[in-house]
C-alpha atoms as a PDB file:
ATOM      1  CA  MET A   1       0.000   0.000   0.000  1.00  0.00           C
ATOM      2  CA  SER A   2       1.389   3.380  -1.008  1.00  0.00           C
ATOM      3  CA  LYS A   3       1.384   6.119   1.613  1.00  0.00           C
ATOM      4  CA  THR A   4       1.853   8.757  -1.077  1.00  0.00           C
ATOM      5  CA  ALA A   5      -1.001  11.101  -1.969  1.00  0.00           C
ATOM      6  CA  PRO A   6      -2.555  10.582  -5.413  1.00  0.00           C
ATOM      7  CA  PRO A   7      -1.990  13.068  -8.233  1.00  0.00           C
ATOM      8  CA  TYR A   8      -3.748  16.405  -7.852  1.00  0.00           C
ATOM      9  CA  VAL A   9      -7.126  16.328  -9.610  1.00  0.00           C
ATOM     10  CA  PRO A  10      -7.585  19.005 -12.304  1.00  0.00           C
ATOM     11  CA  GLY A  11     -10.668  21.209 -12.369  1.00  0.00           C
ATOM     12  CA  HIS A  12     -13.795  20.136 -14.249  1.00  0.00           C
ATOM     13  CA  ASP A  13     -15.838  23.367 -14.157  1.00  0.00           C
ATOM     14  CA  LEU A  14     -18.059  22.027 -11.369  1.00  0.00           C
ATOM     15  CA  LEU A  15     -18.637  25.559 -10.057  1.00  0.00           C
ATOM     16  CA  ARG A  16     -18.554  27.491 -13.316  1.00  0.00           C
ATOM     17  CA  GLY A  17     -20.523  30.724 -12.854  1.00  0.00           C
ATOM     18  CA  LYS A  18     -20.941  30.255  -9.084  1.00  0.00           C
ATOM     19  CA  THR A  19     -19.918  32.704  -6.369  1.00  0.00           C
ATOM     20  CA  VAL A  20     -18.343  31.386  -3.168  1.00  0.00           C
ATOM     21  CA  LEU A  21     -17.613  32.965   0.228  1.00  0.00           C
ATOM     22  CA  ILE A  22     -15.118  31.094   2.428  1.00  0.00           C
ATOM     23  CA  THR A  23     -14.139  31.788   6.037  1.00  0.00           C
ATOM     24  CA  ALA A  24     -10.681  31.086   7.516  1.00  0.00           C
ATOM     25  CA  ALA A  25      -9.137  30.696   4.071  1.00  0.00           C
ATOM     26  CA  ALA A  26      -5.606  31.925   4.804  1.00  0.00           C
ATOM     27  CA  GLY A  27      -2.686  29.684   5.658  1.00  0.00           C
ATOM     28  CA  THR A  28      -2.012  26.116   4.568  1.00  0.00           C
ATOM     29  CA  GLY A  29      -5.124  24.243   5.660  1.00  0.00           C
ATOM     30  CA  ILE A  30      -8.474  23.197   4.278  1.00  0.00           C
ATOM     31  CA  GLY A  31      -9.777  26.768   3.899  1.00  0.00           C
ATOM     32  CA  PHE A  32      -7.045  27.808   1.491  1.00  0.00           C
ATOM     33  CA  ALA A  33      -7.251  24.473  -0.334  1.00  0.00           C
ATOM     34  CA  VAL A  34     -10.994  24.805  -0.919  1.00  0.00           C
ATOM     35  CA  ALA A  35     -10.601  28.415  -2.089  1.00  0.00           C
ATOM     36  CA  LYS A  36      -8.051  27.243  -4.654  1.00  0.00           C
ATOM     37  CA  ARG A  37     -10.245  24.342  -5.730  1.00  0.00           C
ATOM     38  CA  CYS A  38     -13.263  26.622  -6.144  1.00  0.00           C
ATOM     39  CA  LEU A  39     -11.255  28.923  -8.393  1.00  0.00           C
ATOM     40  CA  GLU A  40     -10.021  25.938 -10.398  1.00  0.00           C
ATOM     41  CA  GLU A  41     -13.619  24.781 -10.757  1.00  0.00           C
ATOM     42  CA  GLY A  42     -14.642  28.116 -12.275  1.00  0.00           C
ATOM     43  CA  ALA A  43     -16.096  30.016  -9.307  1.00  0.00           C
ATOM     44  CA  ALA A  44     -15.664  33.641  -8.330  1.00  0.00           C
ATOM     45  CA  VAL A  45     -14.314  33.599  -4.767  1.00  0.00           C
ATOM     46  CA  PHE A  46     -14.314  35.922  -1.762  1.00  0.00           C
ATOM     47  CA  ILE A  47     -12.262  34.910   1.274  1.00  0.00           C
ATOM     48  CA  SER A  48     -11.898  36.013   4.870  1.00  0.00           C
ATOM     49  CA  ASP A  49      -9.614  35.303   7.794  1.00  0.00           C
ATOM     50  CA  ILE A  50      -8.665  36.830  11.127  1.00  0.00           C
ATOM     51  CA  HIS A  51      -4.970  37.187  10.168  1.00  0.00           C
ATOM     52  CA  GLU A  52      -4.418  40.237   7.971  1.00  0.00           C
ATOM     53  CA  ARG A  53      -0.949  39.372   6.653  1.00  0.00           C
ATOM     54  CA  ARG A  54      -1.803  35.744   5.945  1.00  0.00           C
ATOM     55  CA  LEU A  55      -5.031  36.797   4.250  1.00  0.00           C
ATOM     56  CA  ALA A  56      -3.163  39.143   1.920  1.00  0.00           C
ATOM     57  CA  GLU A  57      -0.637  36.406   1.142  1.00  0.00           C
ATOM     58  CA  ALA A  58      -3.462  33.964   0.414  1.00  0.00           C
ATOM     59  CA  VAL A  59      -5.095  36.398  -2.027  1.00  0.00           C
ATOM     60  CA  ASP A  60      -1.783  36.882  -3.840  1.00  0.00           C
ATOM     61  CA  GLU A  61      -1.256  33.140  -4.096  1.00  0.00           C
ATOM     62  CA  LEU A  62      -4.820  32.432  -5.239  1.00  0.00           C
ATOM     63  CA  ALA A  63      -4.529  35.138  -7.882  1.00  0.00           C
ATOM     64  CA  LYS A  64      -1.953  32.896  -9.599  1.00  0.00           C
ATOM     65  CA  VAL A  65      -4.567  30.226 -10.415  1.00  0.00           C
ATOM     66  CA  PRO A  66      -4.699  30.142 -14.235  1.00  0.00           C
ATOM     67  CA  GLY A  67      -7.786  31.838 -15.642  1.00  0.00           C
ATOM     68  CA  ALA A  68      -9.108  32.835 -12.232  1.00  0.00           C
ATOM     69  CA  LYS A  69     -10.170  36.289 -11.150  1.00  0.00           C
ATOM     70  CA  ARG A  70      -8.291  37.688  -8.149  1.00  0.00           C
ATOM     71  CA  PRO A  71     -10.361  36.873  -5.045  1.00  0.00           C
ATOM     72  CA  GLY A  72     -11.890  39.598  -2.931  1.00  0.00           C
ATOM     73  CA  SER A  73     -11.111  39.531   0.764  1.00  0.00           C
ATOM     74  CA  GLN A  74     -11.946  41.009   4.151  1.00  0.00           C
ATOM     75  CA  ILE A  75     -10.748  40.504   7.699  1.00  0.00           C
ATOM     76  CA  CYS A  76     -13.418  38.846   9.829  1.00  0.00           C
ATOM     77  CA  ASN A  77     -13.563  37.466  13.350  1.00  0.00           C
ATOM     78  CA  VAL A  78     -16.579  35.166  13.343  1.00  0.00           C
ATOM     79  CA  THR A  79     -17.120  35.773  17.075  1.00  0.00           C
ATOM     80  CA  ASP A  80     -18.075  39.384  16.262  1.00  0.00           C
ATOM     81  CA  GLU A  81     -21.572  39.838  14.806  1.00  0.00           C
ATOM     82  CA  GLU A  82     -20.753  43.243  13.306  1.00  0.00           C
ATOM     83  CA  GLN A  83     -17.765  41.804  11.466  1.00  0.00           C
ATOM     84  CA  VAL A  84     -19.841  38.868  10.221  1.00  0.00           C
ATOM     85  CA  GLN A  85     -22.525  41.176   8.850  1.00  0.00           C
ATOM     86  CA  ALA A  86     -19.878  43.412   7.283  1.00  0.00           C
ATOM     87  CA  LEU A  87     -18.219  40.403   5.625  1.00  0.00           C
ATOM     88  CA  VAL A  88     -21.445  39.149   4.071  1.00  0.00           C
ATOM     89  CA  LYS A  89     -22.353  42.669   2.918  1.00  0.00           C
ATOM     90  CA  LYS A  90     -18.918  43.177   1.325  1.00  0.00           C
ATOM     91  CA  ALA A  91     -18.995  39.777  -0.374  1.00  0.00           C
ATOM     92  CA  ILE A  92     -22.414  40.503  -1.862  1.00  0.00           C
ATOM     93  CA  ALA A  93     -21.228  43.916  -3.032  1.00  0.00           C
ATOM     94  CA  GLU A  94     -18.215  42.415  -4.817  1.00  0.00           C
ATOM     95  CA  LEU A  95     -19.701  39.145  -6.058  1.00  0.00           C
ATOM     96  CA  GLY A  96     -23.245  40.394  -6.792  1.00  0.00           C
ATOM     97  CA  HIS A  97     -24.685  37.595  -4.680  1.00  0.00           C
ATOM     98  CA  ILE A  98     -23.524  34.549  -2.704  1.00  0.00           C
ATOM     99  CA  ASP A  99     -24.280  31.151  -4.227  1.00  0.00           C
ATOM    100  CA  VAL A 100     -22.165  29.192  -1.766  1.00  0.00           C
ATOM    101  CA  LEU A 101     -20.959  29.785   1.794  1.00  0.00           C
ATOM    102  CA  ILE A 102     -18.206  27.524   3.103  1.00  0.00           C
ATOM    103  CA  ASN A 103     -17.905  27.709   6.886  1.00  0.00           C
ATOM    104  CA  ASN A 104     -14.343  26.712   7.625  1.00  0.00           C
ATOM    105  CA  ALA A 105     -13.484  28.817  10.703  1.00  0.00           C
ATOM    106  CA  GLY A 106     -12.624  26.724  13.735  1.00  0.00           C
ATOM    107  CA  LEU A 107     -10.306  26.571  16.720  1.00  0.00           C
ATOM    108  CA  GLY A 108      -8.701  23.540  18.313  1.00  0.00           C
ATOM    109  CA  GLY A 109      -6.649  22.890  21.419  1.00  0.00           C
ATOM    110  CA  THR A 110      -5.872  20.120  23.865  1.00  0.00           C
ATOM    111  CA  ALA A 111      -6.975  20.012  27.504  1.00  0.00           C
ATOM    112  CA  ASN A 112      -8.563  17.424  29.766  1.00  0.00           C
ATOM    113  CA  VAL A 113     -11.945  18.482  31.142  1.00  0.00           C
ATOM    114  CA  VAL A 114     -10.731  18.508  34.754  1.00  0.00           C
ATOM    115  CA  ASP A 115      -8.088  21.091  33.810  1.00  0.00           C
ATOM    116  CA  MET A 116     -10.029  22.988  31.148  1.00  0.00           C
ATOM    117  CA  THR A 117     -10.792  26.629  31.870  1.00  0.00           C
ATOM    118  CA  ASP A 118     -13.966  28.463  30.921  1.00  0.00           C
ATOM    119  CA  GLU A 119     -11.831  30.569  28.597  1.00  0.00           C
ATOM    120  CA  GLN A 120     -10.539  27.508  26.732  1.00  0.00           C
ATOM    121  CA  TRP A 121     -14.028  26.038  26.422  1.00  0.00           C
ATOM    122  CA  ASN A 122     -15.628  29.312  25.324  1.00  0.00           C
ATOM    123  CA  ALA A 123     -12.899  30.110  22.796  1.00  0.00           C
ATOM    124  CA  VAL A 124     -13.304  26.786  20.979  1.00  0.00           C
ATOM    125  CA  LEU A 125     -17.113  26.793  21.090  1.00  0.00           C
ATOM    126  CA  GLY A 126     -17.298  30.493  20.220  1.00  0.00           C
ATOM    127  CA  ILE A 127     -15.336  30.218  16.982  1.00  0.00           C
ATOM    128  CA  THR A 128     -16.099  26.670  15.885  1.00  0.00           C
ATOM    129  CA  LEU A 129     -19.810  26.403  16.658  1.00  0.00           C
ATOM    130  CA  THR A 130     -21.215  29.859  17.361  1.00  0.00           C
ATOM    131  CA  GLY A 131     -19.154  31.371  14.550  1.00  0.00           C
ATOM    132  CA  THR A 132     -20.619  28.833  12.130  1.00  0.00           C
ATOM    133  CA  PHE A 133     -24.086  29.725  13.414  1.00  0.00           C
ATOM    134  CA  ARG A 134     -23.491  33.468  12.920  1.00  0.00           C
ATOM    135  CA  MET A 135     -22.195  33.054   9.379  1.00  0.00           C
ATOM    136  CA  THR A 136     -25.046  30.696   8.514  1.00  0.00           C
ATOM    137  CA  ARG A 137     -27.667  33.084   9.896  1.00  0.00           C
ATOM    138  CA  ALA A 138     -26.231  36.028   7.961  1.00  0.00           C
ATOM    139  CA  ALA A 139     -25.996  34.100   4.689  1.00  0.00           C
ATOM    140  CA  LEU A 140     -29.451  32.547   4.991  1.00  0.00           C
ATOM    141  CA  ALA A 141     -31.172  35.933   5.040  1.00  0.00           C
ATOM    142  CA  HIS A 142     -29.569  36.638   1.659  1.00  0.00           C
ATOM    143  CA  MET A 143     -30.130  33.142   0.251  1.00  0.00           C
ATOM    144  CA  TYR A 144     -33.761  32.955   1.371  1.00  0.00           C
ATOM    145  CA  ALA A 145     -34.492  36.170  -0.501  1.00  0.00           C
ATOM    146  CA  ARG A 146     -32.978  34.635  -3.643  1.00  0.00           C
ATOM    147  CA  LYS A 147     -34.634  31.227  -3.086  1.00  0.00           C
ATOM    148  CA  ALA A 148     -31.275  29.609  -3.783  1.00  0.00           C
ATOM    149  CA  GLY A 149     -27.982  28.841  -2.116  1.00  0.00           C
ATOM    150  CA  VAL A 150     -25.688  26.218  -0.659  1.00  0.00           C
ATOM    151  CA  ILE A 151     -23.853  26.118   2.661  1.00  0.00           C
ATOM    152  CA  VAL A 152     -21.032  23.664   3.354  1.00  0.00           C
ATOM    153  CA  ASN A 153     -19.795  23.339   6.940  1.00  0.00           C
ATOM    154  CA  ASN A 154     -16.512  21.876   8.115  1.00  0.00           C
ATOM    155  CA  ALA A 155     -17.127  19.402  10.946  1.00  0.00           C
ATOM    156  CA  SER A 156     -14.854  16.591  12.155  1.00  0.00           C
ATOM    157  CA  VAL A 157     -14.935  12.879  12.889  1.00  0.00           C
ATOM    158  CA  LEU A 158     -14.499  13.945  16.518  1.00  0.00           C
ATOM    159  CA  GLY A 159     -18.164  14.888  16.383  1.00  0.00           C
ATOM    160  CA  TRP A 160     -18.722  11.126  16.323  1.00  0.00           C
ATOM    161  CA  ARG A 161     -15.606   9.659  17.929  1.00  0.00           C
ATOM    162  CA  ALA A 162     -13.914  10.203  21.267  1.00  0.00           C
ATOM    163  CA  GLN A 163     -10.383  11.468  21.808  1.00  0.00           C
ATOM    164  CA  VAL A 164      -8.670  12.392  25.057  1.00  0.00           C
ATOM    165  CA  GLY A 165      -8.175  16.111  25.558  1.00  0.00           C
ATOM    166  CA  GLN A 166     -10.644  17.073  22.837  1.00  0.00           C
ATOM    167  CA  ALA A 167     -13.950  17.427  24.710  1.00  0.00           C
ATOM    168  CA  HIS A 168     -14.398  21.111  23.775  1.00  0.00           C
ATOM    169  CA  TYR A 169     -13.490  20.599  20.113  1.00  0.00           C
ATOM    170  CA  ALA A 170     -15.561  17.417  19.816  1.00  0.00           C
ATOM    171  CA  ALA A 171     -18.561  19.112  21.424  1.00  0.00           C
ATOM    172  CA  ALA A 172     -18.228  22.047  19.030  1.00  0.00           C
ATOM    173  CA  LYS A 173     -17.973  19.826  15.952  1.00  0.00           C
ATOM    174  CA  ALA A 174     -20.899  17.653  17.095  1.00  0.00           C
ATOM    175  CA  GLY A 175     -22.780  20.926  17.424  1.00  0.00           C
ATOM    176  CA  VAL A 176     -21.832  21.866  13.870  1.00  0.00           C
ATOM    177  CA  MET A 177     -23.276  18.544  12.706  1.00  0.00           C
ATOM    178  CA  ALA A 178     -26.535  19.136  14.582  1.00  0.00           C
ATOM    179  CA  LEU A 179     -26.708  22.721  13.335  1.00  0.00           C
ATOM    180  CA  THR A 180     -26.224  21.435   9.791  1.00  0.00           C
ATOM    181  CA  ARG A 181     -29.040  18.883  10.044  1.00  0.00           C
ATOM    182  CA  CYS A 182     -31.590  21.109  11.775  1.00  0.00           C
ATOM    183  CA  THR A 183     -30.975  24.208   9.674  1.00  0.00           C
ATOM    184  CA  ALA A 184     -31.120  22.133   6.504  1.00  0.00           C
ATOM    185  CA  LEU A 185     -34.719  21.199   7.303  1.00  0.00           C
ATOM    186  CA  GLU A 186     -35.611  24.854   7.822  1.00  0.00           C
ATOM    187  CA  ALA A 187     -33.831  25.936   4.636  1.00  0.00           C
ATOM    188  CA  ALA A 188     -35.199  23.289   2.275  1.00  0.00           C
ATOM    189  CA  GLU A 189     -38.470  25.105   1.604  1.00  0.00           C
ATOM    190  CA  HIS A 190     -36.450  28.177   0.622  1.00  0.00           C
ATOM    191  CA  GLY A 191     -34.398  26.321  -1.987  1.00  0.00           C
ATOM    192  CA  VAL A 192     -31.237  26.294   0.136  1.00  0.00           C
ATOM    193  CA  ARG A 193     -29.136  23.183   0.819  1.00  0.00           C
ATOM    194  CA  ILE A 194     -26.843  22.736   3.842  1.00  0.00           C
ATOM    195  CA  ASN A 195     -24.366  19.891   4.263  1.00  0.00           C
ATOM    196  CA  ALA A 196     -21.090  19.259   6.076  1.00  0.00           C
ATOM    197  CA  VAL A 197     -17.859  17.356   5.667  1.00  0.00           C
ATOM    198  CA  SER A 198     -16.320  15.427   8.543  1.00  0.00           C
ATOM    199  CA  PRO A 199     -12.561  14.983   7.991  1.00  0.00           C
ATOM    200  CA  SER A 200     -10.484  12.657  10.139  1.00  0.00           C
ATOM    201  CA  LEU A 201      -6.924  13.865   9.584  1.00  0.00           C
ATOM    202  CA  ALA A 202      -5.832  16.474   7.044  1.00  0.00           C
ATOM    203  CA  THR A 203      -2.096  17.126   7.190  1.00  0.00           C
ATOM    204  CA  HIS A 204      -0.625  20.580   6.663  1.00  0.00           C
ATOM    205  CA  LYS A 205       2.156  22.772   8.065  1.00  0.00           C
ATOM    206  CA  PHE A 206       0.078  24.476  10.751  1.00  0.00           C
ATOM    207  CA  LEU A 207      -1.213  21.161  12.124  1.00  0.00           C
ATOM    208  CA  ASN A 208       2.327  19.834  12.257  1.00  0.00           C
ATOM    209  CA  LYS A 209       3.409  22.961  14.132  1.00  0.00           C
ATOM    210  CA  VAL A 210       0.757  22.778  16.884  1.00  0.00           C
ATOM    211  CA  THR A 211       0.398  18.994  17.307  1.00  0.00           C
ATOM    212  CA  PRO A 212       2.991  16.791  19.054  1.00  0.00           C
ATOM    213  CA  GLN A 213       4.617  14.288  16.707  1.00  0.00           C
ATOM    214  CA  ASP A 214       3.587  11.294  18.828  1.00  0.00           C
ATOM    215  CA  VAL A 215      -0.070  12.353  18.557  1.00  0.00           C
ATOM    216  CA  LEU A 216       0.238  12.793  14.775  1.00  0.00           C
ATOM    217  CA  ASP A 217       1.862   9.365  14.508  1.00  0.00           C
ATOM    218  CA  GLU A 218      -0.971   7.779  16.500  1.00  0.00           C
ATOM    219  CA  LEU A 219      -3.671   9.456  14.392  1.00  0.00           C
ATOM    220  CA  THR A 220      -1.900   8.541  11.159  1.00  0.00           C
ATOM    221  CA  ALA A 221      -1.665   4.904  12.242  1.00  0.00           C
ATOM    222  CA  ARG A 222      -5.470   4.749  12.426  1.00  0.00           C
ATOM    223  CA  GLU A 223      -5.836   5.711   8.760  1.00  0.00           C
ATOM    224  CA  ALA A 224      -6.308   2.853   6.308  1.00  0.00           C
ATOM    225  CA  PHE A 225      -4.078   4.562   3.736  1.00  0.00           C
ATOM    226  CA  GLY A 226      -1.312   5.050   6.298  1.00  0.00           C
ATOM    227  CA  ARG A 227      -1.371   8.821   5.821  1.00  0.00           C
ATOM    228  CA  GLY A 228      -3.525  11.821   6.533  1.00  0.00           C
ATOM    229  CA  ALA A 229      -5.556  13.430   3.769  1.00  0.00           C
ATOM    230  CA  GLU A 230      -4.097  16.249   1.748  1.00  0.00           C
ATOM    231  CA  PRO A 231      -6.194  19.387   2.402  1.00  0.00           C
ATOM    232  CA  TRP A 232      -7.225  19.393  -1.273  1.00  0.00           C
ATOM    233  CA  GLU A 233      -8.681  15.904  -0.895  1.00  0.00           C
ATOM    234  CA  VAL A 234     -11.073  17.261   1.735  1.00  0.00           C
ATOM    235  CA  ALA A 235     -11.680  20.323  -0.434  1.00  0.00           C
ATOM    236  CA  ASN A 236     -12.730  18.082  -3.343  1.00  0.00           C
ATOM    237  CA  VAL A 237     -15.641  16.744  -1.299  1.00  0.00           C
ATOM    238  CA  MET A 238     -16.613  20.259  -0.226  1.00  0.00           C
ATOM    239  CA  VAL A 239     -16.642  21.306  -3.886  1.00  0.00           C
ATOM    240  CA  PHE A 240     -18.906  18.360  -4.688  1.00  0.00           C
ATOM    241  CA  LEU A 241     -21.323  19.417  -1.943  1.00  0.00           C
ATOM    242  CA  ALA A 242     -21.212  23.009  -3.214  1.00  0.00           C
ATOM    243  CA  SER A 243     -21.928  21.921  -6.773  1.00  0.00           C
ATOM    244  CA  ASP A 244     -25.127  20.954  -8.554  1.00  0.00           C
ATOM    245  CA  TYR A 245     -23.941  17.340  -8.535  1.00  0.00           C
ATOM    246  CA  SER A 246     -25.187  17.078  -4.940  1.00  0.00           C
ATOM    247  CA  SER A 247     -28.572  18.645  -5.702  1.00  0.00           C
ATOM    248  CA  TYR A 248     -30.560  16.030  -3.743  1.00  0.00           C
ATOM    249  CA  MET A 249     -28.359  16.154  -0.645  1.00  0.00           C
ATOM    250  CA  THR A 250     -29.176  18.310   2.367  1.00  0.00           C
ATOM    251  CA  GLY A 251     -28.677  17.853   6.096  1.00  0.00           C
ATOM    252  CA  GLU A 252     -25.954  15.303   5.418  1.00  0.00           C
ATOM    253  CA  VAL A 253     -22.561  14.973   7.122  1.00  0.00           C
ATOM    254  CA  VAL A 254     -20.092  13.290   4.783  1.00  0.00           C
ATOM    255  CA  ALA A 255     -17.049  11.634   6.331  1.00  0.00           C
ATOM    256  CA  VAL A 256     -13.793  12.355   4.524  1.00  0.00           C
ATOM    257  CA  SER A 257     -11.800   9.654   6.211  1.00  0.00           C
ATOM    258  CA  SER A 258      -9.959   6.369   5.857  1.00  0.00           C
ATOM    259  CA  GLN A 259      -9.947   5.976   9.630  1.00  0.00           C
ATOM    260  CA  HIS A 260     -10.816   2.663  11.216  1.00  0.00           C
ATOM    261  CA  PRO A 261     -11.737   2.079  14.891  1.00  0.00           C
END
């Protein structure tokens, strides 16, 4: 069994003519990967992040995608309702409308419950779950008026599976799953679909920087392919959910995983 990632998949115009807003798209993780994939699939893209320098660098890098229009961008902290509303307003102004919202903003951390502070708990829940709620609420008002739209949330297999030191993150991601399912039922009558991906392990530089090597080795050993996913492999599934190819799917949480028990 090869532990090497497969060749990068070229674009197939799955999002040709679509407009996409993506949160937490700077850096080296899934957010940047899905922004790049959306551009490669023909979409017009608007990205946000909390890090100004990294956001500017991401825009410059994404502007190099052949045939793609330079993405618009705006700083946004998803824990701040005013910034969320300003982001959605700016994206609509630049894109004309929002066909797709990809909620990627999230915060991790490691702490056992007995040692976990309120600040640690609230920080993870505030960004990962409540931030997803705020962005969804803001986008739905726009999408309901248009009777069209798609939202793709980034959850995690930890919403289903237990891991020591991850109670806050797991609770937040389980909440994202529940938010996805419940809101999808509300949105269906308005022509809006809402789904989520649930990755197990996506490897990138930032993850390697903040996660001890022994933990990464343990998580990697659980994967059937003997490696973590490339961020673009997770992004491919998000693109599918954003596209018309998933037109009959809503309220679903799709695992992007080769993990076994």
